[in-house]
Amino acid sequence: MTFYAGTMSKPGREDIKEVTTLPELQDVLRILDLPGIAVFMNADQTIADHGTYTNDEGSMDEWKLTWTKIDSDTEVLD
């Protein structure tokens, strides 16, 4: 199973930092109901090993997600 360490930030909210799978990350983003989320999530469920996505930089709808793939052989501790 592939895990990602990620941080989601939005002005006026505390950052969300977690280690999760891609489907779990997408669930969190859906629950947060962030504007522009459909642009980030693509239909074939692929994601780069690491990156940063920023929605509407500088506007009221700004939010940012930064992630890094964790090697599937790496042990994840709770």
N, C-alpha and C. Protein backbone atom coordinates (compact mmCIF):
# COMPACT_ATOMS: atom_id res chain seq x y z
N MET A 1 0.85 -1.17 0.00
CA MET A 1 0.00 0.00 0.00
C MET A 1 0.89 1.24 0.00
N THR A 2 0.49 2.24 -0.74
CA THR A 2 1.27 3.47 -0.85
C THR A 2 0.70 4.53 0.08
N PHE A 3 1.59 5.18 0.82
CA PHE A 3 1.19 6.23 1.75
C PHE A 3 1.82 7.56 1.32
N TYR A 4 1.15 8.64 1.71
CA TYR A 4 1.63 9.99 1.45
C TYR A 4 1.61 10.78 2.75
N ALA A 5 2.67 11.54 2.97
CA ALA A 5 2.70 12.51 4.07
C ALA A 5 2.30 13.83 3.45
N GLY A 6 1.32 14.48 4.05
CA GLY A 6 0.84 15.71 3.43
C GLY A 6 0.44 16.77 4.43
N THR A 7 0.42 18.01 3.95
CA THR A 7 -0.05 19.15 4.73
C THR A 7 -1.01 19.95 3.86
N MET A 8 -2.21 20.19 4.39
CA MET A 8 -3.19 21.02 3.72
C MET A 8 -3.30 22.30 4.53
N SER A 9 -3.14 23.43 3.85
CA SER A 9 -3.24 24.71 4.56
C SER A 9 -4.21 25.63 3.84
N LYS A 10 -4.93 26.40 4.66
CA LYS A 10 -5.89 27.38 4.16
C LYS A 10 -5.87 28.54 5.14
N PRO A 11 -5.78 29.77 4.63
CA PRO A 11 -5.77 30.92 5.53
C PRO A 11 -6.98 30.89 6.48
N GLY A 12 -6.71 31.14 7.76
CA GLY A 12 -7.76 31.16 8.76
C GLY A 12 -8.06 29.81 9.37
N ARG A 13 -7.38 28.76 8.93
CA ARG A 13 -7.56 27.41 9.47
C ARG A 13 -6.23 26.86 9.93
N GLU A 14 -6.29 25.98 10.91
CA GLU A 14 -5.09 25.28 11.35
C GLU A 14 -4.70 24.27 10.26
N ASP A 15 -3.40 24.14 10.00
CA ASP A 15 -2.94 23.18 8.99
C ASP A 15 -3.35 21.77 9.38
N ILE A 16 -3.66 20.98 8.39
CA ILE A 16 -3.96 19.56 8.58
C ILE A 16 -2.74 18.80 8.08
N LYS A 17 -2.12 18.04 8.98
CA LYS A 17 -0.94 17.25 8.63
C LYS A 17 -1.23 15.80 8.94
N GLU A 18 -1.00 14.92 7.95
CA GLU A 18 -1.25 13.52 8.19
C GLU A 18 -0.51 12.63 7.20
N VAL A 19 -0.43 11.36 7.56
CA VAL A 19 0.09 10.32 6.69
C VAL A 19 -1.11 9.47 6.32
N THR A 20 -1.35 9.30 5.01
CA THR A 20 -2.57 8.67 4.57
C THR A 20 -2.39 8.05 3.20
N THR A 21 -3.38 7.30 2.76
CA THR A 21 -3.41 6.77 1.40
C THR A 21 -4.08 7.80 0.50
N LEU A 22 -3.96 7.64 -0.79
CA LEU A 22 -4.58 8.57 -1.72
C LEU A 22 -6.11 8.61 -1.57
N PRO A 23 -6.80 7.47 -1.49
CA PRO A 23 -8.26 7.53 -1.30
C PRO A 23 -8.66 8.25 0.00
N GLU A 24 -7.91 8.02 1.08
CA GLU A 24 -8.22 8.69 2.34
C GLU A 24 -7.98 10.20 2.22
N LEU A 25 -6.91 10.58 1.53
CA LEU A 25 -6.62 12.00 1.32
C LEU A 25 -7.76 12.65 0.53
N GLN A 26 -8.21 11.99 -0.52
CA GLN A 26 -9.30 12.52 -1.32
C GLN A 26 -10.59 12.65 -0.50
N ASP A 27 -10.84 11.69 0.39
CA ASP A 27 -12.01 11.78 1.26
C ASP A 27 -11.94 13.02 2.15
N VAL A 28 -10.77 13.28 2.73
CA VAL A 28 -10.59 14.46 3.59
C VAL A 28 -10.86 15.73 2.79
N LEU A 29 -10.32 15.80 1.59
CA LEU A 29 -10.51 16.99 0.76
C LEU A 29 -11.98 17.17 0.38
N ARG A 30 -12.68 16.07 0.11
CA ARG A 30 -14.12 16.16 -0.21
C ARG A 30 -14.91 16.67 1.00
N ILE A 31 -14.58 16.16 2.19
CA ILE A 31 -15.26 16.58 3.42
C ILE A 31 -15.05 18.07 3.66
N LEU A 32 -13.83 18.55 3.40
CA LEU A 32 -13.54 19.97 3.60
C LEU A 32 -14.26 20.84 2.57
N ASP A 33 -14.73 20.24 1.49
CA ASP A 33 -15.48 20.93 0.44
C ASP A 33 -14.75 22.18 -0.05
N LEU A 34 -13.49 22.00 -0.41
CA LEU A 34 -12.66 23.11 -0.85
C LEU A 34 -12.98 23.48 -2.30
N PRO A 35 -12.97 24.76 -2.61
CA PRO A 35 -13.19 25.18 -4.00
C PRO A 35 -12.05 24.67 -4.89
N GLY A 36 -12.38 24.24 -6.09
CA GLY A 36 -11.37 23.79 -7.04
C GLY A 36 -10.85 22.40 -6.81
N ILE A 37 -11.47 21.64 -5.90
CA ILE A 37 -10.96 20.32 -5.57
C ILE A 37 -11.01 19.38 -6.77
N ALA A 38 -11.98 19.54 -7.66
CA ALA A 38 -12.08 18.66 -8.82
C ALA A 38 -10.87 18.79 -9.73
N VAL A 39 -10.24 19.95 -9.74
CA VAL A 39 -9.04 20.15 -10.55
C VAL A 39 -7.90 19.30 -10.02
N PHE A 40 -7.79 19.21 -8.70
CA PHE A 40 -6.70 18.44 -8.09
C PHE A 40 -6.89 16.94 -8.26
N MET A 41 -8.09 16.46 -8.02
CA MET A 41 -8.34 15.02 -8.07
C MET A 41 -8.66 14.62 -9.49
N ASN A 42 -7.85 13.73 -10.06
CA ASN A 42 -8.14 13.32 -11.43
C ASN A 42 -8.73 11.92 -11.46
N ALA A 43 -9.42 11.60 -12.52
CA ALA A 43 -10.23 10.39 -12.60
C ALA A 43 -9.44 9.09 -12.53
N ASP A 44 -8.18 9.10 -12.96
CA ASP A 44 -7.44 7.83 -12.97
C ASP A 44 -6.71 7.55 -11.66
N GLN A 45 -6.94 8.37 -10.64
CA GLN A 45 -6.40 8.13 -9.30
C GLN A 45 -4.87 8.11 -9.26
N THR A 46 -4.22 8.89 -10.11
CA THR A 46 -2.76 8.96 -10.08
C THR A 46 -2.34 10.28 -9.44
N ILE A 47 -1.16 10.26 -8.85
CA ILE A 47 -0.62 11.44 -8.21
C ILE A 47 0.91 11.35 -8.30
N ALA A 48 1.56 12.47 -8.47
CA ALA A 48 3.02 12.48 -8.51
C ALA A 48 3.57 12.05 -7.16
N ASP A 49 4.83 11.61 -7.14
CA ASP A 49 5.46 11.18 -5.89
C ASP A 49 5.55 12.30 -4.86
N HIS A 50 5.67 13.53 -5.33
CA HIS A 50 5.69 14.68 -4.41
C HIS A 50 5.27 15.93 -5.20
N GLY A 51 4.80 16.90 -4.46
CA GLY A 51 4.41 18.12 -5.15
C GLY A 51 3.65 19.07 -4.25
N THR A 52 3.24 20.17 -4.85
CA THR A 52 2.42 21.17 -4.18
C THR A 52 1.35 21.62 -5.16
N TYR A 53 0.13 21.67 -4.68
CA TYR A 53 -0.98 22.19 -5.47
C TYR A 53 -1.54 23.39 -4.73
N THR A 54 -1.66 24.53 -5.42
CA THR A 54 -2.25 25.73 -4.83
C THR A 54 -3.47 26.12 -5.65
N ASN A 55 -4.59 26.30 -4.98
CA ASN A 55 -5.82 26.74 -5.63
C ASN A 55 -6.01 28.24 -5.40
N ASP A 56 -6.22 28.98 -6.49
CA ASP A 56 -6.54 30.42 -6.42
C ASP A 56 -5.58 31.20 -5.53
N GLU A 57 -4.33 31.09 -5.83
CA GLU A 57 -3.30 31.78 -5.05
C GLU A 57 -3.65 33.27 -4.89
N GLY A 58 -3.73 33.72 -3.65
CA GLY A 58 -3.97 35.11 -3.35
C GLY A 58 -5.42 35.51 -3.21
N SER A 59 -6.38 34.61 -3.41
CA SER A 59 -7.79 34.97 -3.30
C SER A 59 -8.38 34.42 -2.01
N MET A 60 -9.64 34.70 -1.79
CA MET A 60 -10.35 34.20 -0.61
C MET A 60 -10.49 32.68 -0.64
N ASP A 61 -10.43 32.08 -1.82
CA ASP A 61 -10.56 30.64 -1.95
C ASP A 61 -9.22 29.91 -1.94
N GLU A 62 -8.16 30.59 -1.55
CA GLU A 62 -6.83 29.98 -1.59
C GLU A 62 -6.72 28.83 -0.59
N TRP A 63 -6.12 27.74 -1.04
CA TRP A 63 -5.71 26.65 -0.18
C TRP A 63 -4.57 25.93 -0.87
N LYS A 64 -3.78 25.21 -0.07
CA LYS A 64 -2.59 24.57 -0.63
C LYS A 64 -2.43 23.19 -0.04
N LEU A 65 -2.03 22.25 -0.88
CA LEU A 65 -1.73 20.89 -0.45
C LEU A 65 -0.32 20.56 -0.89
N THR A 66 0.50 20.13 0.05
CA THR A 66 1.86 19.68 -0.23
C THR A 66 1.94 18.22 0.21
N TRP A 67 2.52 17.35 -0.64
CA TRP A 67 2.58 15.94 -0.31
C TRP A 67 3.90 15.33 -0.74
N THR A 68 4.25 14.22 -0.09
CA THR A 68 5.43 13.42 -0.43
C THR A 68 5.07 11.96 -0.28
N LYS A 69 5.37 11.19 -1.29
CA LYS A 69 5.13 9.75 -1.24
C LYS A 69 6.10 9.11 -0.26
N ILE A 70 5.58 8.19 0.54
CA ILE A 70 6.41 7.43 1.46
C ILE A 70 6.58 6.06 0.84
N ASP A 71 7.81 5.60 0.75
CA ASP A 71 8.10 4.29 0.16
C ASP A 71 7.21 3.24 0.81
N SER A 72 6.58 2.40 0.00
CA SER A 72 5.66 1.39 0.53
C SER A 72 6.37 0.39 1.44
N ASP A 73 7.69 0.33 1.39
CA ASP A 73 8.43 -0.55 2.28
C ASP A 73 8.75 0.11 3.61
N THR A 74 8.44 1.42 3.74
CA THR A 74 8.72 2.15 4.96
C THR A 74 7.64 1.87 5.98
N GLU A 75 8.04 1.59 7.20
CA GLU A 75 7.07 1.34 8.28
C GLU A 75 6.47 2.65 8.73
N VAL A 76 5.15 2.71 8.84
CA VAL A 76 4.45 3.91 9.30
C VAL A 76 4.02 3.67 10.73
N LEU A 77 4.43 4.56 11.62
CA LEU A 77 4.08 4.44 13.04
C LEU A 77 2.95 5.39 13.37
N ASP A 78 2.02 4.94 14.19
CA ASP A 78 0.91 5.81 14.62
C ASP A 78 1.36 6.70 15.76
